PDB file of N, CA and C in Angstrom:
ATOM      1  N   MET A   1      67.962  63.307  65.042  1.00  0.00           N
ATOM      2  CA  MET A   1      69.348  63.698  65.056  1.00  0.00           C
ATOM      3  C   MET A   1      69.919  64.541  66.559  1.00  0.00           C
ATOM      4  N   PRO A   2      69.219  65.105  66.941  1.00  0.00           N
ATOM      5  CA  PRO A   2      69.636  66.032  68.498  1.00  0.00           C
ATOM      6  C   PRO A   2      69.600  64.662  69.225  1.00  0.00           C
ATOM      7  N   GLU A   3      69.179  63.400  69.404  1.00  0.00           N
ATOM      8  CA  GLU A   3      68.854  62.354  70.138  1.00  0.00           C
ATOM      9  C   GLU A   3      70.081  61.512  70.245  1.00  0.00           C
ATOM     10  N   GLU A   4      70.784  61.752  68.638  1.00  0.00           N
ATOM     11  CA  GLU A   4      72.039  60.744  68.492  1.00  0.00           C
ATOM     12  C   GLU A   4      73.233  62.194  68.933  1.00  0.00           C
ATOM     13  N   GLU A   5      72.966  63.116  68.680  1.00  0.00           N
ATOM     14  CA  GLU A   5      73.808  64.014  69.217  1.00  0.00           C
ATOM     15  C   GLU A   5      74.425  63.956  70.996  1.00  0.00           C
ATOM     16  N   LEU A   6      73.180  63.677  71.719  1.00  0.00           N
ATOM     17  CA  LEU A   6      73.380  63.562  72.523  1.00  0.00           C
ATOM     18  C   LEU A   6      73.941  62.352  73.146  1.00  0.00           C
ATOM     19  N   THR A   7      73.476  61.776  72.566  1.00  0.00           N
ATOM     20  CA  THR A   7      74.171  60.278  72.742  1.00  0.00           C
ATOM     21  C   THR A   7      76.114  60.317  73.082  1.00  0.00           C
ATOM     22  N   LYS A   8      76.257  60.671  71.803  1.00  0.00           N
ATOM     23  CA  LYS A   8      77.632  60.666  71.113  1.00  0.00           C
ATOM     24  C   LYS A   8      78.259  62.084  72.393  1.00  0.00           C
ATOM     25  N   LYS A   9      77.809  63.005  72.868  1.00  0.00           N
ATOM     26  CA  LYS A   9      78.514  63.633  73.795  1.00  0.00           C
ATOM     27  C   LYS A   9      78.501  62.738  74.956  1.00  0.00           C
ATOM     28  N   GLU A  10      77.431  62.005  75.123  1.00  0.00           N
ATOM     29  CA  GLU A  10      77.446  61.212  76.848  1.00  0.00           C
ATOM     30  C   GLU A  10      78.332  60.170  76.381  1.00  0.00           C
ATOM     31  N   GLU A  11      78.540  59.545  75.252  1.00  0.00           N
ATOM     32  CA  GLU A  11      79.409  59.049  75.398  1.00  0.00           C
ATOM     33  C   GLU A  11      80.853  59.021  74.952  1.00  0.00           C
ATOM     34  N   VAL A  12      81.422  60.451  74.653  1.00  0.00           N
ATOM     35  CA  VAL A  12      82.903  61.412  74.889  1.00  0.00           C
ATOM     36  C   VAL A  12      82.979  61.499  76.240  1.00  0.00           C
ATOM     37  N   LYS A  13      81.846  62.111  76.893  1.00  0.00           N
ATOM     38  CA  LYS A  13      81.699  62.387  78.240  1.00  0.00           C
ATOM     39  C   LYS A  13      82.301  61.133  78.991  1.00  0.00           C
ATOM     40  N   LYS A  14      81.390  59.748  79.203  1.00  0.00           N
ATOM     41  CA  LYS A  14      81.923  58.500  79.691  1.00  0.00           C
ATOM     42  C   LYS A  14      83.635  58.190  79.410  1.00  0.00           C
ATOM     43  N   SER A  15      83.775  58.124  78.168  1.00  0.00           N
ATOM     44  CA  SER A  15      85.387  57.775  77.821  1.00  0.00           C
ATOM     45  C   SER A  15      86.031  58.649  78.713  1.00  0.00           C
ATOM     46  N   ARG A  16      86.153  60.133  78.016  1.00  0.00           N
ATOM     47  CA  ARG A  16      86.935  61.032  79.394  1.00  0.00           C
ATOM     48  C   ARG A  16      87.257  60.823  80.867  1.00  0.00           C
ATOM     49  N   ALA A  17      85.597  60.028  81.256  1.00  0.00           N
ATOM     50  CA  ALA A  17      85.652  60.145  82.567  1.00  0.00           C
ATOM     51  C   ALA A  17      86.673  59.051  83.064  1.00  0.00           C
ATOM     52  N   GLN A  18      86.010  57.758  81.961  1.00  0.00           N
ATOM     53  CA  GLN A  18      87.011  56.616  81.953  1.00  0.00           C
ATOM     54  C   GLN A  18      88.653  56.758  81.862  1.00  0.00           C
ATOM     55  N   LYS A  19      89.080  57.354  81.275  1.00  0.00           N
ATOM     56  CA  LYS A  19      90.527  57.675  81.058  1.00  0.00           C
ATOM     57  C   LYS A  19      90.869  58.732  82.004  1.00  0.00           C
ATOM     58  N   ALA A  20      90.197  59.072  82.757  1.00  0.00           N
ATOM     59  CA  ALA A  20      90.585  60.042  83.828  1.00  0.00           C
ATOM     60  C   ALA A  20      90.792  59.059  85.088  1.00  0.00           C
ATOM     61  N   VAL A  21      89.910  58.083  85.427  1.00  0.00           N
ATOM     62  CA  VAL A  21      89.633  57.183  86.141  1.00  0.00           C
ATOM     63  C   VAL A  21      91.143  55.839  86.295  1.00  0.00           C
ATOM     64  N   SER A  22      91.454  55.641  84.862  1.00  0.00           N
ATOM     65  CA  SER A  22      91.968  54.747  84.405  1.00  0.00           C
ATOM     66  C   SER A  22      93.311  55.680  84.363  1.00  0.00           C
ATOM     67  N   GLY A  23      93.846  56.813  84.583  1.00  0.00           N
ATOM     68  CA  GLY A  23      95.118  57.867  84.473  1.00  0.00           C
ATOM     69  C   GLY A  23      95.942  57.034  86.047  1.00  0.00           C
ATOM     70  N   THR A  24      94.280  57.708  87.091  1.00  0.00           N
ATOM     71  CA  THR A  24      94.425  57.623  88.517  1.00  0.00           C
ATOM     72  C   THR A  24      95.030  56.544  88.643  1.00  0.00           C
ATOM     73  N   LYS A  25      94.344  55.001  88.626  1.00  0.00           N
ATOM     74  CA  LYS A  25      94.578  53.968  88.189  1.00  0.00           C
ATOM     75  C   LYS A  25      96.182  53.796  87.978  1.00  0.00           C
ATOM     76  N   SER A  26      96.757  54.073  86.896  1.00  0.00           N
ATOM     77  CA  SER A  26      98.084  54.324  86.705  1.00  0.00           C
ATOM     78  C   SER A  26      98.837  54.813  87.168  1.00  0.00           C
ATOM     79  N   GLN A  27      98.264  55.886  87.697  1.00  0.00           N
ATOM     80  CA  GLN A  27      99.003  57.038  89.222  1.00  0.00           C
ATOM     81  C   GLN A  27      99.409  56.116  90.471  1.00  0.00           C
ATOM     82  N   ASP A  28      98.289  55.693  90.694  1.00  0.00           N
ATOM     83  CA  ASP A  28      98.296  55.097  91.955  1.00  0.00           C
ATOM     84  C   ASP A  28      99.369  53.576  92.031  1.00  0.00           C
ATOM     85  N   SER A  29      99.173  53.007  90.758  1.00  0.00           N
ATOM     86  CA  SER A  29     100.000  51.795  90.795  1.00  0.00           C
ATOM     87  C   SER A  29     101.296  52.090  90.608  1.00  0.00           C
ATOM     88  N   SER A  30     102.126  53.601  89.617  1.00  0.00           N
ATOM     89  CA  SER A  30     102.800  53.515  89.923  1.00  0.00           C
ATOM     90  C   SER A  30     103.772  53.808  90.828  1.00  0.00           C
ATOM     91  N   SER A  31     102.869  54.456  91.923  1.00  0.00           N
ATOM     92  CA  SER A  31     103.348  55.098  93.383  1.00  0.00           C
ATOM     93  C   SER A  31     103.620  53.873  93.639  1.00  0.00           C
ATOM     94  N   LYS A  32     102.573  52.838  93.933  1.00  0.00           N
ATOM     95  CA  LYS A  32     103.184  51.618  94.819  1.00  0.00           C
ATOM     96  C   LYS A  32     104.277  51.242  94.463  1.00  0.00           C
ATOM     97  N   ILE A  33     104.542  51.049  92.889  1.00  0.00           N
ATOM     98  CA  ILE A  33     105.931  50.356  92.684  1.00  0.00           C
ATOM     99  C   ILE A  33     107.108  51.204  93.178  1.00  0.00           C
ATOM    100  N   SER A  34     106.832  52.218  93.433  1.00  0.00           N
ATOM    101  CA  SER A  34     107.952  53.296  93.387  1.00  0.00           C
ATOM    102  C   SER A  34     108.030  52.919  95.053  1.00  0.00           C
ATOM    103  N   ARG A  35     107.040  52.932  95.849  1.00  0.00           N
ATOM    104  CA  ARG A  35     107.037  52.744  97.140  1.00  0.00           C
ATOM    105  C   ARG A  35     108.067  51.325  97.564  1.00  0.00           C
ATOM    106  N   THR A  36     107.715  49.850  96.786  1.00  0.00           N
ATOM    107  CA  THR A  36     108.183  48.588  96.951  1.00  0.00           C
ATOM    108  C   THR A  36     109.408  48.811  96.426  1.00  0.00           C
ATOM    109  N   LYS A  37     109.646  49.255  95.522  1.00  0.00           N
ATOM    110  CA  LYS A  37     111.314  49.815  94.742  1.00  0.00           C
ATOM    111  C   LYS A  37     111.860  50.119  96.193  1.00  0.00           C
ATOM    112  N   GLU A  38     111.260  51.219  96.533  1.00  0.00           N
ATOM    113  CA  GLU A  38     112.083  52.180  97.647  1.00  0.00           C
ATOM    114  C   GLU A  38     112.529  51.022  99.075  1.00  0.00           C
ATOM    115  N   LYS A  39     111.391  50.450  99.368  1.00  0.00           N
ATOM    116  CA  LYS A  39     111.365  49.932 100.140  1.00  0.00           C
ATOM    117  C   LYS A  39     112.364  48.450 100.294  1.00  0.00           C
ATOM    118  N   ALA A  40     112.483  48.105  98.609  1.00  0.00           N
ATOM    119  CA  ALA A  40     113.297  46.893  98.540  1.00  0.00           C
ATOM    120  C   ALA A  40     114.587  47.638  99.066  1.00  0.00           C
ATOM    121  N   LYS A  41     114.963  48.797  98.355  1.00  0.00           N
ATOM    122  CA  LYS A  41     116.217  49.508  98.953  1.00  0.00           C
ATOM    123  C   LYS A  41     116.614  49.434  99.650  1.00  0.00           C
ATOM    124  N   ARG A  42     115.527  50.006 100.637  1.00  0.00           N
ATOM    125  CA  ARG A  42     115.812  50.112 102.367  1.00  0.00           C
ATOM    126  C   ARG A  42     116.243  48.822 102.668  1.00  0.00           C
ATOM    127  N   HIS A  43     115.654  47.975 102.258  1.00  0.00           N
ATOM    128  CA  HIS A  43     115.850  46.155 103.210  1.00  0.00           C
ATOM    129  C   HIS A  43     117.025  45.898 102.655  1.00  0.00           C
ATOM    130  N   ALA A  44     117.577  46.067 101.397  1.00  0.00           N
ATOM    131  CA  ALA A  44     118.610  45.775 100.956  1.00  0.00           C
ATOM    132  C   ALA A  44     120.208  46.663 101.648  1.00  0.00           C
ATOM    133  N   LYS A  45     120.191  47.567 101.791  1.00  0.00           N
ATOM    134  CA  LYS A  45     120.872  48.368 102.509  1.00  0.00           C
ATOM    135  C   LYS A  45     120.912  47.876 103.851  1.00  0.00           C
ATOM    136  N   GLU A  46     119.854  47.520 104.769  1.00  0.00           N
ATOM    137  CA  GLU A  46     119.965  46.973 106.263  1.00  0.00           C
ATOM    138  C   GLU A  46     120.576  45.983 106.096  1.00  0.00           C
ATOM    139  N   PHE A  47     120.341  44.927 105.021  1.00  0.00           N
ATOM    140  CA  PHE A  47     120.967  43.913 105.046  1.00  0.00           C
ATOM    141  C   PHE A  47     122.340  43.450 104.724  1.00  0.00           C
ATOM    142  N   ARG A  48     122.859  44.622 103.555  1.00  0.00           N
ATOM    143  CA  ARG A  48     124.321  44.879 103.338  1.00  0.00           C
ATOM    144  C   ARG A  48     124.924  45.240 104.577  1.00  0.00           C
ATOM    145  N   ASP A  49     124.634  46.304 105.202  1.00  0.00           N
ATOM    146  CA  ASP A  49     124.780  46.746 106.722  1.00  0.00           C
ATOM    147  C   ASP A  49     125.187  45.492 107.663  1.00  0.00           C
ATOM    148  N   GLU A  50     124.186  44.888 108.201  1.00  0.00           N
ATOM    149  CA  GLU A  50     124.423  43.504 108.768  1.00  0.00           C
ATOM    150  C   GLU A  50     124.930  42.770 108.448  1.00  0.00           C
ATOM    151  N   PHE A  51     125.119  42.505 107.354  1.00  0.00           N
ATOM    152  CA  PHE A  51     125.968  41.132 106.699  1.00  0.00           C
ATOM    153  C   PHE A  51     127.379  41.867 107.095  1.00  0.00           C
ATOM    154  N   ASN A  52     127.835  43.033 106.892  1.00  0.00           N
ATOM    155  CA  ASN A  52     129.175  43.491 106.950  1.00  0.00           C
ATOM    156  C   ASN A  52     129.376  43.785 108.337  1.00  0.00           C
ATOM    157  N   LYS A  53     128.326  44.017 108.979  1.00  0.00           N
ATOM    158  CA  LYS A  53     128.794  44.024 110.572  1.00  0.00           C
ATOM    159  C   LYS A  53     129.259  42.579 111.032  1.00  0.00           C
ATOM    160  N   THR A  54     128.182  41.583 110.647  1.00  0.00           N
ATOM    161  CA  THR A  54     128.518  39.671 110.610  1.00  0.00           C
ATOM    162  C   THR A  54     130.230  39.911 110.570  1.00  0.00           C
ATOM    163  N   ILE A  55     130.587  39.910 109.604  1.00  0.00           N
ATOM    164  CA  ILE A  55     131.628  39.638 108.761  1.00  0.00           C
ATOM    165  C   ILE A  55     132.706  40.315 109.801  1.00  0.00           C
ATOM    166  N   LYS A  56     133.224  41.247 110.097  1.00  0.00           N
ATOM    167  CA  LYS A  56     133.529  42.152 110.655  1.00  0.00           C
ATOM    168  C   LYS A  56     134.192  41.653 112.221  1.00  0.00           C
ATOM    169  N   THR A  57     132.734  41.083 112.491  1.00  0.00           N
ATOM    170  CA  THR A  57     132.469  40.145 113.766  1.00  0.00           C
ATOM    171  C   THR A  57     133.004  39.092 113.476  1.00  0.00           C
ATOM    172  N   ALA A  58     133.261  38.034 112.791  1.00  0.00           N
ATOM    173  CA  ALA A  58     133.610  37.129 112.892  1.00  0.00           C
ATOM    174  C   ALA A  58     134.892  37.161 112.499  1.00  0.00           C
ATOM    175  N   PHE A  59     135.415  38.176 111.820  1.00  0.00           N
ATOM    176  CA  PHE A  59     137.049  38.307 111.193  1.00  0.00           C
ATOM    177  C   PHE A  59     137.629  38.525 113.086  1.00  0.00           C
ATOM    178  N   ILE A  60     137.231  39.772 113.764  1.00  0.00           N
ATOM    179  CA  ILE A  60     137.613  40.207 115.165  1.00  0.00           C
ATOM    180  C   ILE A  60     137.620  38.713 115.872  1.00  0.00           C
ATOM    181  N   ALA A  61     136.503  38.057 116.132  1.00  0.00           N
ATOM    182  CA  ALA A  61     136.593  36.713 116.480  1.00  0.00           C
ATOM    183  C   ALA A  61     137.813  35.595 116.298  1.00  0.00           C
ATOM    184  N   ALA A  62     138.066  35.856 115.117  1.00  0.00           N
ATOM    185  CA  ALA A  62     139.054  34.694 114.161  1.00  0.00           C
ATOM    186  C   ALA A  62     140.516  34.941 115.098  1.00  0.00           C
ATOM    187  N   PHE A  63     140.681  36.496 114.954  1.00  0.00           N
ATOM    188  CA  PHE A  63     141.780  37.128 115.069  1.00  0.00           C
ATOM    189  C   PHE A  63     142.089  36.652 116.889  1.00  0.00           C
ATOM    190  N   GLY A  64     140.796  37.050 117.836  1.00  0.00           N
ATOM    191  CA  GLY A  64     140.865  36.995 119.275  1.00  0.00           C
ATOM    192  C   GLY A  64     141.527  35.542 119.357  1.00  0.00           C
ATOM    193  N   PHE A  65     140.685  34.490 119.037  1.00  0.00           N
ATOM    194  CA  PHE A  65     140.774  33.259 119.299  1.00  0.00           C
ATOM    195  C   PHE A  65     142.867  32.579 118.855  1.00  0.00           C
ATOM    196  N   LEU A  66     142.783  33.253 117.719  1.00  0.00           N
ATOM    197  CA  LEU A  66     144.253  33.238 117.440  1.00  0.00           C
ATOM    198  C   LEU A  66     145.574  33.598 118.463  1.00  0.00           C
ATOM    199  N   ILE A  67     144.947  34.869 118.727  1.00  0.00           N
ATOM    200  CA  ILE A  67     146.256  35.612 119.954  1.00  0.00           C
ATOM    201  C   ILE A  67     145.576  34.657 121.234  1.00  0.00           C
ATOM    202  N   ALA A  68     144.704  34.334 121.423  1.00  0.00           N
ATOM    203  CA  ALA A  68     144.523  33.481 122.740  1.00  0.00           C
ATOM    204  C   ALA A  68     145.014  32.267 122.306  1.00  0.00           C
ATOM    205  N   LEU A  69     145.010  31.817 121.380  1.00  0.00           N
ATOM    206  CA  LEU A  69     146.403  30.180 120.943  1.00  0.00           C
ATOM    207  C   LEU A  69     147.774  30.580 121.692  1.00  0.00           C
ATOM    208  N   VAL A  70     148.312  31.729 121.452  1.00  0.00           N
ATOM    209  CA  VAL A  70     149.330  32.330 121.218  1.00  0.00           C
ATOM    210  C   VAL A  70     149.587  32.419 122.625  1.00  0.00           C
ATOM    211  N   TRP A  71     149.005  33.175 123.655  1.00  0.00           N
ATOM    212  CA  TRP A  71     149.167  33.582 124.735  1.00  0.00           C
ATOM    213  C   TRP A  71     148.810  32.454 125.850  1.00  0.00           C
ATOM    214  N   ARG A  72     148.134  31.117 125.098  1.00  0.00           N
ATOM    215  CA  ARG A  72     147.675  29.907 126.082  1.00  0.00           C
ATOM    216  C   ARG A  72     149.248  29.318 125.934  1.00  0.00           C
ATOM    217  N   ASP A  73     149.912  29.315 125.007  1.00  0.00           N
ATOM    218  CA  ASP A  73     151.064  28.378 124.795  1.00  0.00           C
ATOM    219  C   ASP A  73     152.221  28.867 125.542  1.00  0.00           C
ATOM    220  N   LEU A  74     152.614  30.560 125.530  1.00  0.00           N
ATOM    221  CA  LEU A  74     153.644  30.999 126.312  1.00  0.00           C
ATOM    222  C   LEU A  74     153.072  30.969 127.865  1.00  0.00           C
ATOM    223  N   ILE A  75     151.894  30.876 128.163  1.00  0.00           N
ATOM    224  CA  ILE A  75     151.795  30.604 129.517  1.00  0.00           C
ATOM    225  C   ILE A  75     151.516  29.530 129.996  1.00  0.00           C
ATOM    226  N   THR A  76     151.238  28.430 129.613  1.00  0.00           N
ATOM    227  CA  THR A  76     151.370  27.217 129.600  1.00  0.00           C
ATOM    228  C   THR A  76     153.246  26.683 130.108  1.00  0.00           C
ATOM    229  N   GLU A  77     153.859  26.938 129.015  1.00  0.00           N
ATOM    230  CA  GLU A  77     155.078  26.828 129.361  1.00  0.00           C
ATOM    231  C   GLU A  77     155.983  27.634 130.349  1.00  0.00           C
ATOM    232  N   TYR A  78     155.375  28.714 130.718  1.00  0.00           N
ATOM    233  CA  TYR A  78     155.995  29.652 131.573  1.00  0.00           C
ATOM    234  C   TYR A  78     155.237  28.870 133.154  1.00  0.00           C
ATOM    235  N   VAL A  79     154.189  28.419 132.857  1.00  0.00           N
ATOM    236  CA  VAL A  79     153.857  27.737 134.379  1.00  0.00           C
ATOM    237  C   VAL A  79     154.065  26.410 134.345  1.00  0.00           C
ATOM    238  N   ASN A  80     154.774  26.057 133.349  1.00  0.00           N
ATOM    239  CA  ASN A  80     155.214  24.547 133.394  1.00  0.00           C
ATOM    240  C   ASN A  80     156.736  24.747 134.537  1.00  0.00           C
ATOM    241  N   LYS A  81     157.179  25.817 133.639  1.00  0.00           N
ATOM    242  CA  LYS A  81     158.448  25.965 134.433  1.00  0.00           C
ATOM    243  C   LYS A  81     158.429  26.547 135.980  1.00  0.00           C
ATOM    244  N   ILE A  82     157.442  27.010 136.477  1.00  0.00           N
ATOM    245  CA  ILE A  82     156.976  27.610 137.826  1.00  0.00           C
ATOM    246  C   ILE A  82     156.786  26.419 138.543  1.00  0.00           C
ATOM    247  N   SER A  83     156.052  25.307 138.282  1.00  0.00           N
ATOM    248  CA  SER A  83     154.789  24.233 138.707  1.00  0.00           C
ATOM    249  C   SER A  83     156.172  23.132 139.054  1.00  0.00           C
ATOM    250  N   GLU A  84     156.950  23.112 138.291  1.00  0.00           N
ATOM    251  CA  GLU A  84     158.325  22.013 138.289  1.00  0.00           C
ATOM    252  C   GLU A  84     158.611  21.712 139.845  1.00  0.00           C
ATOM    253  N   SER A  85     158.752  23.045 140.595  1.00  0.00           N
ATOM    254  CA  SER A  85     159.082  23.697 141.823  1.00  0.00           C
ATOM    255  C   SER A  85     158.048  23.906 142.890  1.00  0.00           C
ATOM    256  N   SER A  86     156.842  23.232 142.239  1.00  0.00           N
ATOM    257  CA  SER A  86     155.581  23.445 143.435  1.00  0.00           C
ATOM    258  C   SER A  86     154.907  22.379 143.384  1.00  0.00           C
ATOM    259  N   PRO A  87     154.626  22.440 144.751  1.00  0.00           N
ATOM    260  CA  PRO A  87     153.760  20.731 144.689  1.00  0.00           C
ATOM    261  C   PRO A  87     152.631  20.752 144.185  1.00  0.00           C
ATOM    262  N   VAL A  88     151.585  21.923 144.002  1.00  0.00           N
ATOM    263  CA  VAL A  88     150.601  22.263 143.270  1.00  0.00           C
ATOM    264  C   VAL A  88     150.637  21.944 141.620  1.00  0.00           C
ATOM    265  N   SER A  89     149.593  20.813 141.518  1.00  0.00           N
ATOM    266  CA  SER A  89     149.954  20.469 139.845  1.00  0.00           C
ATOM    267  C   SER A  89     149.732  21.667 138.973  1.00  0.00           C
ATOM    268  N   GLY A  90     150.866  21.151 137.983  1.00  0.00           N
ATOM    269  CA  GLY A  90     150.749  22.382 136.836  1.00  0.00           C
ATOM    270  C   GLY A  90     150.060  23.388 136.229  1.00  0.00           C
ATOM    271  N   LYS A  91     148.922  22.420 135.410  1.00  0.00           N
ATOM    272  CA  LYS A  91     147.628  22.476 135.105  1.00  0.00           C
ATOM    273  C   LYS A  91     146.715  23.074 136.176  1.00  0.00           C
ATOM    274  N   LEU A  92     146.538  22.847 137.211  1.00  0.00           N
ATOM    275  CA  LEU A  92     145.997  23.899 137.898  1.00  0.00           C
ATOM    276  C   LEU A  92     146.072  25.070 138.094  1.00  0.00           C
ATOM    277  N   ILE A  93     147.462  25.472 138.002  1.00  0.00           N
ATOM    278  CA  ILE A  93     147.914  27.114 138.141  1.00  0.00           C
ATOM    279  C   ILE A  93     147.717  27.490 136.632  1.00  0.00           C
ATOM    280  N   SER A  94     147.807  26.866 135.785  1.00  0.00           N
ATOM    281  CA  SER A  94     147.589  27.499 134.637  1.00  0.00           C
ATOM    282  C   SER A  94     146.519  27.653 134.228  1.00  0.00           C
ATOM    283  N   ALA A  95     145.387  26.849 134.787  1.00  0.00           N
ATOM    284  CA  ALA A  95     143.961  27.102 134.915  1.00  0.00           C
ATOM    285  C   ALA A  95     143.446  28.017 135.840  1.00  0.00           C
ATOM    286  N   LEU A  96     144.067  28.585 136.723  1.00  0.00           N
ATOM    287  CA  LEU A  96     143.647  29.856 137.503  1.00  0.00           C
ATOM    288  C   LEU A  96     144.155  31.153 136.742  1.00  0.00           C
ATOM    289  N   ILE A  97     145.826  30.895 135.791  1.00  0.00           N
ATOM    290  CA  ILE A  97     146.114  32.088 135.557  1.00  0.00           C
ATOM    291  C   ILE A  97     145.468  32.168 134.163  1.00  0.00           C
ATOM    292  N   ILE A  98     145.266  31.339 133.146  1.00  0.00           N
ATOM    293  CA  ILE A  98     144.300  31.820 132.489  1.00  0.00           C
ATOM    294  C   ILE A  98     142.966  32.252 132.361  1.00  0.00           C
ATOM    295  N   THR A  99     142.267  31.995 133.785  1.00  0.00           N
ATOM    296  CA  THR A  99     141.111  31.952 134.348  1.00  0.00           C
ATOM    297  C   THR A  99     141.087  33.383 134.340  1.00  0.00           C
ATOM    298  N   LEU A 100     142.024  33.806 135.286  1.00  0.00           N
ATOM    299  CA  LEU A 100     142.584  35.548 135.434  1.00  0.00           C
ATOM    300  C   LEU A 100     142.665  36.412 134.559  1.00  0.00           C
ATOM    301  N   ILE A 101     143.078  35.772 133.658  1.00  0.00           N
ATOM    302  CA  ILE A 101     143.359  36.438 132.326  1.00  0.00           C
ATOM    303  C   ILE A 101     142.221  36.954 131.572  1.00  0.00           C
ATOM    304  N   CYS A 102     141.680  36.008 131.300  1.00  0.00           N
ATOM    305  CA  CYS A 102     140.503  35.765 130.497  1.00  0.00           C
ATOM    306  C   CYS A 102     139.264  36.678 131.323  1.00  0.00           C
ATOM    307  N   VAL A 103     139.323  36.868 132.545  1.00  0.00           N
ATOM    308  CA  VAL A 103     138.224  37.691 133.440  1.00  0.00           C
ATOM    309  C   VAL A 103     138.723  38.896 133.307  1.00  0.00           C
ATOM    310  N   LEU A 104     139.716  39.333 133.529  1.00  0.00           N
ATOM    311  CA  LEU A 104     140.095  40.885 133.552  1.00  0.00           C
ATOM    312  C   LEU A 104     139.917  41.398 132.129  1.00  0.00           C
ATOM    313  N   GLY A 105     140.135  40.333 130.951  1.00  0.00           N
ATOM    314  CA  GLY A 105     139.976  40.692 129.680  1.00  0.00           C
ATOM    315  C   GLY A 105     139.005  41.316 128.890  1.00  0.00           C
ATOM    316  N   ILE A 106     137.878  40.210 129.850  1.00  0.00           N
ATOM    317  CA  ILE A 106     136.261  40.880 129.138  1.00  0.00           C
ATOM    318  C   ILE A 106     135.669  41.689 129.891  1.00  0.00           C
ATOM    319  N   MET A 107     136.154  42.092 131.614  1.00  0.00           N
ATOM    320  CA  MET A 107     135.979  43.036 131.614  1.00  0.00           C
ATOM    321  C   MET A 107     136.397  45.008 131.174  1.00  0.00           C
ATOM    322  N   ILE A 108     137.688  44.645 130.927  1.00  0.00           N
ATOM    323  CA  ILE A 108     138.288  45.784 129.920  1.00  0.00           C
ATOM    324  C   ILE A 108     137.386  45.818 129.323  1.00  0.00           C
ATOM    325  N   LEU A 109     137.079  44.520 127.947  1.00  0.00           N
ATOM    326  CA  LEU A 109     136.153  44.685 126.661  1.00  0.00           C
ATOM    327  C   LEU A 109     134.501  45.215 126.809  1.00  0.00           C
ATOM    328  N   THR A 110     134.141  44.891 128.137  1.00  0.00           N
ATOM    329  CA  THR A 110     132.827  45.197 128.566  1.00  0.00           C
ATOM    330  C   THR A 110     132.881  46.727 128.681  1.00  0.00           C
ATOM    331  N   LYS A 111     134.066  47.150 129.505  1.00  0.00           N
ATOM    332  CA  LYS A 111     134.110  48.748 130.029  1.00  0.00           C
ATOM    333  C   LYS A 111     133.915  49.743 128.572  1.00  0.00           C
ATOM    334  N   LEU A 112     135.104  49.206 127.641  1.00  0.00           N
ATOM    335  CA  LEU A 112     135.240  49.873 126.592  1.00  0.00           C
ATOM    336  C   LEU A 112     133.845  49.588 125.247  1.00  0.00           C
ATOM    337  N   LEU A 113     133.721  48.556 125.272  1.00  0.00           N
ATOM    338  CA  LEU A 113     132.278  48.376 124.311  1.00  0.00           C
ATOM    339  C   LEU A 113     131.164  49.122 124.791  1.00  0.00           C
ATOM    340  N   SER A 114     130.835  49.418 126.099  1.00  0.00           N
ATOM    341  CA  SER A 114     129.676  50.000 126.584  1.00  0.00           C
ATOM    342  C   SER A 114     129.854  51.323 126.546  1.00  0.00           C
ATOM    343  N   LYS A 115     131.051  51.932 126.826  1.00  0.00           N
ATOM    344  CA  LYS A 115     131.513  53.622 126.071  1.00  0.00           C
ATOM    345  C   LYS A 115     131.299  53.639 124.742  1.00  0.00           C
ATOM    346  N   LYS A 116     131.512  53.136 123.932  1.00  0.00           N
ATOM    347  CA  LYS A 116     131.529  53.091 122.984  1.00  0.00           C
ATOM    348  C   LYS A 116     129.972  53.147 122.265  1.00  0.00           C
ATOM    349  N   ASP A 117     129.005  52.022 122.653  1.00  0.00           N
ATOM    350  CA  ASP A 117     127.516  51.893 122.194  1.00  0.00           C
ATOM    351  C   ASP A 117     127.292  53.660 123.274  1.00  0.00           C
ATOM    352  N   GLY A 118     127.280  54.177 124.348  1.00  0.00           N
ATOM    353  CA  GLY A 118     126.987  55.062 124.734  1.00  0.00           C
ATOM    354  C   GLY A 118     127.245  56.574 123.857  1.00  0.00           C
ATOM    355  N   GLU A 119     128.074  56.106 123.507  1.00  0.00           N
ATOM    356  CA  GLU A 119     128.557  57.359 122.815  1.00  0.00           C
ATOM    357  C   GLU A 119     127.750  57.243 121.330  1.00  0.00           C
ATOM    358  N   LYS A 120     127.474  56.298 120.881  1.00  0.00           N
ATOM    359  CA  LYS A 120     126.612  56.381 119.447  1.00  0.00           C
ATOM    360  C   LYS A 120     125.211  56.659 119.711  1.00  0.00           C
ATOM    361  N   LYS A 121     124.523  56.239 121.173  1.00  0.00           N
ATOM    362  CA  LYS A 121     123.018  56.581 121.366  1.00  0.00           C
ATOM    363  C   LYS A 121     123.204  57.767 121.572  1.00  0.00           C
TER     364      LYS A 121
END
């Protein structure tokens, strides 16, 4: 009987040890799952932020394109009136004026955007 008692005690010890190990494994897997969930949430937030930024940029570009078309019509009409008395072709004058306006606009926007980027950093 004493041998049977020893084996029962050993079995109890083994089962307790196995439960402790399996509990640790369970905690490890649950912490991995929670880390994975946090990582997924972080990536989803980054994606959402980047998506919103891209949509805003697309709308701004669309509005800018619309504004450019309106100004183009106005400038073309004005240049045509001026070019009637000029020996130089109206399209050449129109191209030069539009190029000058666009280059100035690009320079101004570049300076404004670089100042904003400097403030963010």
